[in-house]
Amino acid sequence: GYTVTWSDDFEGPQGQGVDTSKWNIAGPEDGKQNGEWQRYNNWD
């Protein structure tokens, strides 16, 4: 009863980054609203 209108199956070679035509990669300041400890890595 449904059709797929958007998807990502994460196929690709080992070590490759995500498809940046589909995804934004969060940076170090994202998540700070919750007092999170990590820095989100968008540099590699």
ModelCIF file with pLDDT and N, C-alpha, C, O atoms, coordinates in Angstrom:
data_MODEL
#
_entry.id   MODEL 
#
_entity.id                         1 
_entity.type                       polymer 
_entity.pdbx_number_of_molecules   1 
#
_entity_poly.entity_id                      1 
_entity_poly.type                           'polypeptide(L)' 
_entity_poly.nstd_linkage                   no 
_entity_poly.nstd_monomer                   no 
_entity_poly.pdbx_seq_one_letter_code       GYTVTWSDDFEGPQGQGVDTSKWNIAGPEDGKQNGEWQRYNNWD 
_entity_poly.pdbx_seq_one_letter_code_can   GYTVTWSDDFEGPQGQGVDTSKWNIAGPEDGKQNGEWQRYNNWD 
_entity_poly.pdbx_strand_id                 A 
#
loop_
_entity_poly_seq.entity_id 
_entity_poly_seq.num 
_entity_poly_seq.mon_id 
_entity_poly_seq.hetero 
1 1  GLY n 
1 2  TYR n 
1 3  THR n 
1 4  VAL n 
1 5  THR n 
1 6  TRP n 
1 7  SER n 
1 8  ASP n 
1 9  ASP n 
1 10 PHE n 
1 11 GLU n 
1 12 GLY n 
1 13 PRO n 
1 14 GLN n 
1 15 GLY n 
1 16 GLN n 
1 17 GLY n 
1 18 VAL n 
1 19 ASP n 
1 20 THR n 
1 21 SER n 
1 22 LYS n 
1 23 TRP n 
1 24 ASN n 
1 25 ILE n 
1 26 ALA n 
1 27 GLY n 
1 28 PRO n 
1 29 GLU n 
1 30 ASP n 
1 31 GLY n 
1 32 LYS n 
1 33 GLN n 
1 34 ASN n 
1 35 GLY n 
1 36 GLU n 
1 37 TRP n 
1 38 GLN n 
1 39 ARG n 
1 40 TYR n 
1 41 ASN n 
1 42 ASN n 
1 43 TRP n 
1 44 ASP n 
#
_struct_asym.id          A 
_struct_asym.entity_id   1 
#
loop_
_ma_qa_metric.id 
_ma_qa_metric.mode 
_ma_qa_metric.name 
_ma_qa_metric.software_group_id 
_ma_qa_metric.type 
1 global pLDDT . pLDDT 
2 local  pLDDT . pLDDT 
#
_ma_qa_metric_global.metric_id      1 
_ma_qa_metric_global.metric_value   93.27 
_ma_qa_metric_global.model_id       1 
_ma_qa_metric_global.ordinal_id     1 
#
loop_
_ma_qa_metric_local.label_asym_id 
_ma_qa_metric_local.label_comp_id 
_ma_qa_metric_local.label_seq_id 
_ma_qa_metric_local.metric_id 
_ma_qa_metric_local.metric_value 
_ma_qa_metric_local.model_id 
_ma_qa_metric_local.ordinal_id 
A GLY 1  2 97.00 1 1  
A TYR 2  2 98.00 1 2  
A THR 3  2 98.00 1 3  
A VAL 4  2 98.00 1 4  
A THR 5  2 98.00 1 5  
A TRP 6  2 98.00 1 6  
A SER 7  2 98.00 1 7  
A ASP 8  2 98.00 1 8  
A ASP 9  2 97.00 1 9  
A PHE 10 2 97.00 1 10 
A GLU 11 2 96.00 1 11 
A GLY 12 2 96.00 1 12 
A PRO 13 2 97.00 1 13 
A GLN 14 2 96.00 1 14 
A GLY 15 2 96.00 1 15 
A GLN 16 2 97.00 1 16 
A GLY 17 2 97.00 1 17 
A VAL 18 2 97.00 1 18 
A ASP 19 2 97.00 1 19 
A THR 20 2 97.00 1 20 
A SER 21 2 98.00 1 21 
A LYS 22 2 98.00 1 22 
A TRP 23 2 98.00 1 23 
A ASN 24 2 97.00 1 24 
A ILE 25 2 97.00 1 25 
A ALA 26 2 95.00 1 26 
A GLY 27 2 94.00 1 27 
A PRO 28 2 90.00 1 28 
A GLU 29 2 85.00 1 29 
A ASP 30 2 86.00 1 30 
A GLY 31 2 77.00 1 31 
A LYS 32 2 76.00 1 32 
A GLN 33 2 74.00 1 33 
A ASN 34 2 78.00 1 34 
A GLY 35 2 78.00 1 35 
A GLU 36 2 86.00 1 36 
A TRP 37 2 89.00 1 37 
A GLN 38 2 93.00 1 38 
A ARG 39 2 94.00 1 39 
A TYR 40 2 96.00 1 40 
A ASN 41 2 96.00 1 41 
A ASN 42 2 95.00 1 42 
A TRP 43 2 95.00 1 43 
A ASP 44 2 96.00 1 44 
#
loop_
_atom_site.group_PDB 
_atom_site.id 
_atom_site.type_symbol 
_atom_site.label_atom_id 
_atom_site.label_alt_id 
_atom_site.label_comp_id 
_atom_site.label_asym_id 
_atom_site.label_entity_id 
_atom_site.label_seq_id 
_atom_site.pdbx_PDB_ins_code 
_atom_site.Cartn_x 
_atom_site.Cartn_y 
_atom_site.Cartn_z 
_atom_site.occupancy 
_atom_site.B_iso_or_equiv 
_atom_site.pdbx_formal_charge 
_atom_site.auth_seq_id 
_atom_site.auth_comp_id 
_atom_site.auth_asym_id 
_atom_site.auth_atom_id 
_atom_site.pdbx_PDB_model_num 
ATOM 1   N N  . GLY A 1 1  ? 0.790  -1.226 0.000  1.00 97.00 ? 1  GLY A N  1 
ATOM 2   C CA . GLY A 1 1  ? 0.000  0.000  0.000  1.00 97.00 ? 1  GLY A CA 1 
ATOM 3   C C  . GLY A 1 1  ? 0.820  1.271  0.000  1.00 97.00 ? 1  GLY A C  1 
ATOM 4   O O  . GLY A 1 1  ? 0.269  2.371  0.057  1.00 97.00 ? 1  GLY A O  1 
ATOM 5   N N  . TYR A 1 2  ? 2.153  1.127  -0.065 1.00 98.00 ? 2  TYR A N  1 
ATOM 6   C CA . TYR A 1 2  ? 3.034  2.286  -0.043 1.00 98.00 ? 2  TYR A CA 1 
ATOM 7   C C  . TYR A 1 2  ? 4.029  2.215  -1.202 1.00 98.00 ? 2  TYR A C  1 
ATOM 8   O O  . TYR A 1 2  ? 4.270  1.154  -1.778 1.00 98.00 ? 2  TYR A O  1 
ATOM 9   N N  . THR A 1 3  ? 4.594  3.366  -1.522 1.00 98.00 ? 3  THR A N  1 
ATOM 10  C CA . THR A 1 3  ? 5.727  3.433  -2.428 1.00 98.00 ? 3  THR A CA 1 
ATOM 11  C C  . THR A 1 3  ? 6.866  4.151  -1.726 1.00 98.00 ? 3  THR A C  1 
ATOM 12  O O  . THR A 1 3  ? 6.632  5.064  -0.934 1.00 98.00 ? 3  THR A O  1 
ATOM 13  N N  . VAL A 1 4  ? 8.097  3.747  -2.011 1.00 98.00 ? 4  VAL A N  1 
ATOM 14  C CA . VAL A 1 4  ? 9.265  4.395  -1.413 1.00 98.00 ? 4  VAL A CA 1 
ATOM 15  C C  . VAL A 1 4  ? 9.464  5.748  -2.092 1.00 98.00 ? 4  VAL A C  1 
ATOM 16  O O  . VAL A 1 4  ? 9.585  5.822  -3.315 1.00 98.00 ? 4  VAL A O  1 
ATOM 17  N N  . THR A 1 5  ? 9.499  6.802  -1.307 1.00 98.00 ? 5  THR A N  1 
ATOM 18  C CA . THR A 1 5  ? 9.667  8.148  -1.862 1.00 98.00 ? 5  THR A CA 1 
ATOM 19  C C  . THR A 1 5  ? 11.039 8.739  -1.551 1.00 98.00 ? 5  THR A C  1 
ATOM 20  O O  . THR A 1 5  ? 11.423 9.749  -2.142 1.00 98.00 ? 5  THR A O  1 
ATOM 21  N N  . TRP A 1 6  ? 11.771 8.132  -0.642 1.00 98.00 ? 6  TRP A N  1 
ATOM 22  C CA . TRP A 1 6  ? 13.138 8.572  -0.321 1.00 98.00 ? 6  TRP A CA 1 
ATOM 23  C C  . TRP A 1 6  ? 13.799 7.435  0.449  1.00 98.00 ? 6  TRP A C  1 
ATOM 24  O O  . TRP A 1 6  ? 13.141 6.774  1.253  1.00 98.00 ? 6  TRP A O  1 
ATOM 25  N N  . SER A 1 7  ? 15.092 7.196  0.218  1.00 98.00 ? 7  SER A N  1 
ATOM 26  C CA . SER A 1 7  ? 15.763 6.117  0.944  1.00 98.00 ? 7  SER A CA 1 
ATOM 27  C C  . SER A 1 7  ? 17.268 6.232  0.817  1.00 98.00 ? 7  SER A C  1 
ATOM 28  O O  . SER A 1 7  ? 17.786 6.941  -0.046 1.00 98.00 ? 7  SER A O  1 
ATOM 29  N N  . ASP A 1 8  ? 17.958 5.520  1.692  1.00 98.00 ? 8  ASP A N  1 
ATOM 30  C CA . ASP A 1 8  ? 19.404 5.322  1.597  1.00 98.00 ? 8  ASP A CA 1 
ATOM 31  C C  . ASP A 1 8  ? 19.711 3.932  2.150  1.00 98.00 ? 8  ASP A C  1 
ATOM 32  O O  . ASP A 1 8  ? 19.362 3.614  3.287  1.00 98.00 ? 8  ASP A O  1 
ATOM 33  N N  . ASP A 1 9  ? 20.377 3.095  1.321  1.00 97.00 ? 9  ASP A N  1 
ATOM 34  C CA . ASP A 1 9  ? 20.740 1.743  1.760  1.00 97.00 ? 9  ASP A CA 1 
ATOM 35  C C  . ASP A 1 9  ? 22.215 1.639  2.121  1.00 97.00 ? 9  ASP A C  1 
ATOM 36  O O  . ASP A 1 9  ? 22.693 0.545  2.421  1.00 97.00 ? 9  ASP A O  1 
ATOM 37  N N  . PHE A 1 10 ? 22.941 2.737  2.100  1.00 97.00 ? 10 PHE A N  1 
ATOM 38  C CA . PHE A 1 10 ? 24.323 2.823  2.569  1.00 97.00 ? 10 PHE A CA 1 
ATOM 39  C C  . PHE A 1 10 ? 25.260 1.833  1.880  1.00 97.00 ? 10 PHE A C  1 
ATOM 40  O O  . PHE A 1 10 ? 26.200 1.323  2.490  1.00 97.00 ? 10 PHE A O  1 
ATOM 41  N N  . GLU A 1 11 ? 24.996 1.574  0.623  1.00 96.00 ? 11 GLU A N  1 
ATOM 42  C CA . GLU A 1 11 ? 25.913 0.752  -0.152 1.00 96.00 ? 11 GLU A CA 1 
ATOM 43  C C  . GLU A 1 11 ? 27.081 1.607  -0.641 1.00 96.00 ? 11 GLU A C  1 
ATOM 44  O O  . GLU A 1 11 ? 26.912 2.773  -0.998 1.00 96.00 ? 11 GLU A O  1 
ATOM 45  N N  . GLY A 1 12 ? 28.264 1.001  -0.649 1.00 96.00 ? 12 GLY A N  1 
ATOM 46  C CA . GLY A 1 12 ? 29.453 1.706  -1.085 1.00 96.00 ? 12 GLY A CA 1 
ATOM 47  C C  . GLY A 1 12 ? 30.676 1.097  -0.445 1.00 96.00 ? 12 GLY A C  1 
ATOM 48  O O  . GLY A 1 12 ? 30.558 0.231  0.421  1.00 96.00 ? 12 GLY A O  1 
ATOM 49  N N  . PRO A 1 13 ? 31.853 1.538  -0.860 1.00 97.00 ? 13 PRO A N  1 
ATOM 50  C CA . PRO A 1 13 ? 33.089 0.947  -0.348 1.00 97.00 ? 13 PRO A CA 1 
ATOM 51  C C  . PRO A 1 13 ? 33.347 1.302  1.113  1.00 97.00 ? 13 PRO A C  1 
ATOM 52  O O  . PRO A 1 13 ? 32.925 2.350  1.603  1.00 97.00 ? 13 PRO A O  1 
ATOM 53  N N  . GLN A 1 14 ? 34.049 0.404  1.790  1.00 96.00 ? 14 GLN A N  1 
ATOM 54  C CA . GLN A 1 14 ? 34.402 0.612  3.184  1.00 96.00 ? 14 GLN A CA 1 
ATOM 55  C C  . GLN A 1 14 ? 35.158 1.927  3.367  1.00 96.00 ? 14 GLN A C  1 
ATOM 56  O O  . GLN A 1 14 ? 36.082 2.241  2.617  1.00 96.00 ? 14 GLN A O  1 
ATOM 57  N N  . GLY A 1 15 ? 34.743 2.684  4.378  1.00 96.00 ? 15 GLY A N  1 
ATOM 58  C CA . GLY A 1 15 ? 35.419 3.928  4.705  1.00 96.00 ? 15 GLY A CA 1 
ATOM 59  C C  . GLY A 1 15 ? 34.866 5.147  4.025  1.00 96.00 ? 15 GLY A C  1 
ATOM 60  O O  . GLY A 1 15 ? 35.212 6.266  4.401  1.00 96.00 ? 15 GLY A O  1 
ATOM 61  N N  . GLN A 1 16 ? 34.013 4.971  3.032  1.00 97.00 ? 16 GLN A N  1 
ATOM 62  C CA . GLN A 1 16 ? 33.434 6.115  2.333  1.00 97.00 ? 16 GLN A CA 1 
ATOM 63  C C  . GLN A 1 16 ? 32.447 6.833  3.235  1.00 97.00 ? 16 GLN A C  1 
ATOM 64  O O  . GLN A 1 16 ? 31.772 6.203  4.049  1.00 97.00 ? 16 GLN A O  1 
ATOM 65  N N  . GLY A 1 17 ? 32.362 8.136  3.094  1.00 97.00 ? 17 GLY A N  1 
ATOM 66  C CA . GLY A 1 17 ? 31.405 8.901  3.876  1.00 97.00 ? 17 GLY A CA 1 
ATOM 67  C C  . GLY A 1 17 ? 29.989 8.737  3.357  1.00 97.00 ? 17 GLY A C  1 
ATOM 68  O O  . GLY A 1 17 ? 29.763 8.103  2.326  1.00 97.00 ? 17 GLY A O  1 
ATOM 69  N N  . VAL A 1 18 ? 29.046 9.308  4.073  1.00 97.00 ? 18 VAL A N  1 
ATOM 70  C CA . VAL A 1 18 ? 27.642 9.236  3.657  1.00 97.00 ? 18 VAL A CA 1 
ATOM 71  C C  . VAL A 1 18 ? 27.431 10.058 2.389  1.00 97.00 ? 18 VAL A C  1 
ATOM 72  O O  . VAL A 1 18 ? 28.247 10.909 2.036  1.00 97.00 ? 18 VAL A O  1 
ATOM 73  N N  . ASP A 1 19 ? 26.322 9.783  1.719  1.00 97.00 ? 19 ASP A N  1 
ATOM 74  C CA . ASP A 1 19 ? 25.960 10.483 0.501  1.00 97.00 ? 19 ASP A CA 1 
ATOM 75  C C  . ASP A 1 19 ? 25.521 11.907 0.869  1.00 97.00 ? 19 ASP A C  1 
ATOM 76  O O  . ASP A 1 19 ? 24.439 12.105 1.422  1.00 97.00 ? 19 ASP A O  1 
ATOM 77  N N  . THR A 1 20 ? 26.359 12.882 0.563  1.00 97.00 ? 20 THR A N  1 
ATOM 78  C CA . THR A 1 20 ? 26.057 14.257 0.971  1.00 97.00 ? 20 THR A CA 1 
ATOM 79  C C  . THR A 1 20 ? 25.016 14.927 0.074  1.00 97.00 ? 20 THR A C  1 
ATOM 80  O O  . THR A 1 20 ? 24.654 16.080 0.304  1.00 97.00 ? 20 THR A O  1 
ATOM 81  N N  . SER A 1 21 ? 24.533 14.214 -0.944 1.00 98.00 ? 21 SER A N  1 
ATOM 82  C CA . SER A 1 21 ? 23.367 14.720 -1.664 1.00 98.00 ? 21 SER A CA 1 
ATOM 83  C C  . SER A 1 21 ? 22.085 14.422 -0.886 1.00 98.00 ? 21 SER A C  1 
ATOM 84  O O  . SER A 1 21 ? 21.038 15.011 -1.156 1.00 98.00 ? 21 SER A O  1 
ATOM 85  N N  . LYS A 1 22 ? 22.173 13.504 0.081  1.00 98.00 ? 22 LYS A N  1 
ATOM 86  C CA . LYS A 1 22 ? 21.016 13.113 0.896  1.00 98.00 ? 22 LYS A CA 1 
ATOM 87  C C  . LYS A 1 22 ? 21.120 13.585 2.342  1.00 98.00 ? 22 LYS A C  1 
ATOM 88  O O  . LYS A 1 22 ? 20.102 13.804 2.998  1.00 98.00 ? 22 LYS A O  1 
ATOM 89  N N  . TRP A 1 23 ? 22.345 13.741 2.841  1.00 98.00 ? 23 TRP A N  1 
ATOM 90  C CA . TRP A 1 23 ? 22.544 13.991 4.264  1.00 98.00 ? 23 TRP A CA 1 
ATOM 91  C C  . TRP A 1 23 ? 23.416 15.218 4.515  1.00 98.00 ? 23 TRP A C  1 
ATOM 92  O O  . TRP A 1 23 ? 24.382 15.468 3.794  1.00 98.00 ? 23 TRP A O  1 
ATOM 93  N N  . ASN A 1 24 ? 23.061 15.969 5.539  1.00 97.00 ? 24 ASN A N  1 
ATOM 94  C CA . ASN A 1 24 ? 23.959 16.944 6.146  1.00 97.00 ? 24 ASN A CA 1 
ATOM 95  C C  . ASN A 1 24 ? 24.693 16.258 7.284  1.00 97.00 ? 24 ASN A C  1 
ATOM 96  O O  . ASN A 1 24 ? 24.105 15.445 7.996  1.00 97.00 ? 24 ASN A O  1 
ATOM 97  N N  . ILE A 1 25 ? 25.963 16.572 7.463  1.00 97.00 ? 25 ILE A N  1 
ATOM 98  C CA . ILE A 1 25 ? 26.770 15.993 8.533  1.00 97.00 ? 25 ILE A CA 1 
ATOM 99  C C  . ILE A 1 25 ? 26.936 17.045 9.621  1.00 97.00 ? 25 ILE A C  1 
ATOM 100 O O  . ILE A 1 25 ? 27.503 18.110 9.379  1.00 97.00 ? 25 ILE A O  1 
ATOM 101 N N  . ALA A 1 26 ? 26.440 16.745 10.818 1.00 95.00 ? 26 ALA A N  1 
ATOM 102 C CA . ALA A 1 26 ? 26.456 17.718 11.906 1.00 95.00 ? 26 ALA A CA 1 
ATOM 103 C C  . ALA A 1 26 ? 27.879 18.000 12.360 1.00 95.00 ? 26 ALA A C  1 
ATOM 104 O O  . ALA A 1 26 ? 28.764 17.153 12.239 1.00 95.00 ? 26 ALA A O  1 
ATOM 105 N N  . GLY A 1 27 ? 28.084 19.195 12.881 1.00 94.00 ? 27 GLY A N  1 
ATOM 106 C CA . GLY A 1 27 ? 29.397 19.616 13.341 1.00 94.00 ? 27 GLY A CA 1 
ATOM 107 C C  . GLY A 1 27 ? 29.496 19.690 14.848 1.00 94.00 ? 27 GLY A C  1 
ATOM 108 O O  . GLY A 1 27 ? 28.557 19.314 15.551 1.00 94.00 ? 27 GLY A O  1 
ATOM 109 N N  . PRO A 1 28 ? 30.634 20.176 15.363 1.00 90.00 ? 28 PRO A N  1 
ATOM 110 C CA . PRO A 1 28 ? 30.935 20.131 16.795 1.00 90.00 ? 28 PRO A CA 1 
ATOM 111 C C  . PRO A 1 28 ? 29.926 20.820 17.703 1.00 90.00 ? 28 PRO A C  1 
ATOM 112 O O  . PRO A 1 28 ? 29.757 20.414 18.853 1.00 90.00 ? 28 PRO A O  1 
ATOM 113 N N  . GLU A 1 29 ? 29.252 21.855 17.209 1.00 85.00 ? 29 GLU A N  1 
ATOM 114 C CA . GLU A 1 29 ? 28.350 22.604 18.086 1.00 85.00 ? 29 GLU A CA 1 
ATOM 115 C C  . GLU A 1 29 ? 26.957 21.999 18.174 1.00 85.00 ? 29 GLU A C  1 
ATOM 116 O O  . GLU A 1 29 ? 26.193 22.361 19.068 1.00 85.00 ? 29 GLU A O  1 
ATOM 117 N N  . ASP A 1 30 ? 26.606 21.092 17.274 1.00 86.00 ? 30 ASP A N  1 
ATOM 118 C CA . ASP A 1 30 ? 25.284 20.477 17.320 1.00 86.00 ? 30 ASP A CA 1 
ATOM 119 C C  . ASP A 1 30 ? 25.157 19.581 18.545 1.00 86.00 ? 30 ASP A C  1 
ATOM 120 O O  . ASP A 1 30 ? 26.090 18.855 18.891 1.00 86.00 ? 30 ASP A O  1 
ATOM 121 N N  . GLY A 1 31 ? 24.000 19.635 19.199 1.00 77.00 ? 31 GLY A N  1 
ATOM 122 C CA . GLY A 1 31 ? 23.771 18.832 20.397 1.00 77.00 ? 31 GLY A CA 1 
ATOM 123 C C  . GLY A 1 31 ? 24.139 19.519 21.687 1.00 77.00 ? 31 GLY A C  1 
ATOM 124 O O  . GLY A 1 31 ? 23.906 18.971 22.764 1.00 77.00 ? 31 GLY A O  1 
ATOM 125 N N  . LYS A 1 32 ? 24.708 20.709 21.608 1.00 76.00 ? 32 LYS A N  1 
ATOM 126 C CA . LYS A 1 32 ? 25.125 21.391 22.826 1.00 76.00 ? 32 LYS A CA 1 
ATOM 127 C C  . LYS A 1 32 ? 23.936 21.825 23.678 1.00 76.00 ? 32 LYS A C  1 
ATOM 128 O O  . LYS A 1 32 ? 24.087 22.091 24.870 1.00 76.00 ? 32 LYS A O  1 
ATOM 129 N N  . GLN A 1 33 ? 22.726 21.899 23.053 1.00 74.00 ? 33 GLN A N  1 
ATOM 130 C CA . GLN A 1 33 ? 21.541 22.298 23.820 1.00 74.00 ? 33 GLN A CA 1 
ATOM 131 C C  . GLN A 1 33 ? 21.277 21.327 24.956 1.00 74.00 ? 33 GLN A C  1 
ATOM 132 O O  . GLN A 1 33 ? 20.703 21.713 25.974 1.00 74.00 ? 33 GLN A O  1 
ATOM 133 N N  . ASN A 1 34 ? 21.684 20.080 24.801 1.00 78.00 ? 34 ASN A N  1 
ATOM 134 C CA . ASN A 1 34 ? 21.452 19.055 25.823 1.00 78.00 ? 34 ASN A CA 1 
ATOM 135 C C  . ASN A 1 34 ? 22.647 18.864 26.749 1.00 78.00 ? 34 ASN A C  1 
ATOM 136 O O  . ASN A 1 34 ? 22.624 17.991 27.617 1.00 78.00 ? 34 ASN A O  1 
ATOM 137 N N  . GLY A 1 35 ? 23.679 19.664 26.574 1.00 78.00 ? 35 GLY A N  1 
ATOM 138 C CA . GLY A 1 35 ? 24.869 19.484 27.391 1.00 78.00 ? 35 GLY A CA 1 
ATOM 139 C C  . GLY A 1 35 ? 25.647 18.238 27.043 1.00 78.00 ? 35 GLY A C  1 
ATOM 140 O O  . GLY A 1 35 ? 26.347 17.679 27.887 1.00 78.00 ? 35 GLY A O  1 
ATOM 141 N N  . GLU A 1 36 ? 25.526 17.798 25.792 1.00 86.00 ? 36 GLU A N  1 
ATOM 142 C CA . GLU A 1 36 ? 26.232 16.575 25.384 1.00 86.00 ? 36 GLU A CA 1 
ATOM 143 C C  . GLU A 1 36 ? 27.744 16.771 25.425 1.00 86.00 ? 36 GLU A C  1 
ATOM 144 O O  . GLU A 1 36 ? 28.246 17.879 25.240 1.00 86.00 ? 36 GLU A O  1 
ATOM 145 N N  . TRP A 1 37 ? 28.456 15.683 25.671 1.00 89.00 ? 37 TRP A N  1 
ATOM 146 C CA . TRP A 1 37 ? 29.903 15.746 25.824 1.00 89.00 ? 37 TRP A CA 1 
ATOM 147 C C  . TRP A 1 37 ? 30.648 15.673 24.498 1.00 89.00 ? 37 TRP A C  1 
ATOM 148 O O  . TRP A 1 37 ? 31.727 16.248 24.356 1.00 89.00 ? 37 TRP A O  1 
ATOM 149 N N  . GLN A 1 38 ? 30.074 14.965 23.527 1.00 93.00 ? 38 GLN A N  1 
ATOM 150 C CA . GLN A 1 38 ? 30.825 14.696 22.305 1.00 93.00 ? 38 GLN A CA 1 
ATOM 151 C C  . GLN A 1 38 ? 30.929 15.929 21.422 1.00 93.00 ? 38 GLN A C  1 
ATOM 152 O O  . GLN A 1 38 ? 30.149 16.873 21.542 1.00 93.00 ? 38 GLN A O  1 
ATOM 153 N N  . ARG A 1 39 ? 31.917 15.894 20.528 1.00 94.00 ? 39 ARG A N  1 
ATOM 154 C CA . ARG A 1 39 ? 31.940 16.809 19.393 1.00 94.00 ? 39 ARG A CA 1 
ATOM 155 C C  . ARG A 1 39 ? 31.574 15.979 18.168 1.00 94.00 ? 39 ARG A C  1 
ATOM 156 O O  . ARG A 1 39 ? 32.236 14.986 17.868 1.00 94.00 ? 39 ARG A O  1 
ATOM 157 N N  . TYR A 1 40 ? 30.517 16.385 17.460 1.00 96.00 ? 40 TYR A N  1 
ATOM 158 C CA . TYR A 1 40 ? 30.169 15.679 16.239 1.00 96.00 ? 40 TYR A CA 1 
ATOM 159 C C  . TYR A 1 40 ? 31.195 16.011 15.163 1.00 96.00 ? 40 TYR A C  1 
ATOM 160 O O  . TYR A 1 40 ? 31.527 17.173 14.926 1.00 96.00 ? 40 TYR A O  1 
ATOM 161 N N  . ASN A 1 41 ? 31.685 14.957 14.522 1.00 96.00 ? 41 ASN A N  1 
ATOM 162 C CA . ASN A 1 41 ? 32.801 15.069 13.586 1.00 96.00 ? 41 ASN A CA 1 
ATOM 163 C C  . ASN A 1 41 ? 32.288 15.296 12.169 1.00 96.00 ? 41 ASN A C  1 
ATOM 164 O O  . ASN A 1 41 ? 31.653 14.416 11.586 1.00 96.00 ? 41 ASN A O  1 
ATOM 165 N N  . ASN A 1 42 ? 32.564 16.483 11.613 1.00 95.00 ? 42 ASN A N  1 
ATOM 166 C CA . ASN A 1 42 ? 32.246 16.759 10.218 1.00 95.00 ? 42 ASN A CA 1 
ATOM 167 C C  . ASN A 1 42 ? 33.499 17.126 9.417  1.00 95.00 ? 42 ASN A C  1 
ATOM 168 O O  . ASN A 1 42 ? 33.413 17.669 8.316  1.00 95.00 ? 42 ASN A O  1 
ATOM 169 N N  . TRP A 1 43 ? 34.668 16.816 9.996  1.00 95.00 ? 43 TRP A N  1 
ATOM 170 C CA . TRP A 1 43 ? 35.915 17.166 9.314  1.00 95.00 ? 43 TRP A CA 1 
ATOM 171 C C  . TRP A 1 43 ? 36.573 15.970 8.622  1.00 95.00 ? 43 TRP A C  1 
ATOM 172 O O  . TRP A 1 43 ? 37.441 16.163 7.770  1.00 95.00 ? 43 TRP A O  1 
ATOM 173 N N  . ASP A 1 44 ? 36.181 14.742 8.966  1.00 96.00 ? 44 ASP A N  1 
ATOM 174 C CA . ASP A 1 44 ? 36.633 13.561 8.237  1.00 96.00 ? 44 ASP A CA 1 
ATOM 175 C C  . ASP A 1 44 ? 35.627 12.439 8.472  1.00 96.00 ? 44 ASP A C  1 
ATOM 176 O O  . ASP A 1 44 ? 35.799 11.336 7.953  1.00 96.00 ? 44 ASP A O  1 
#
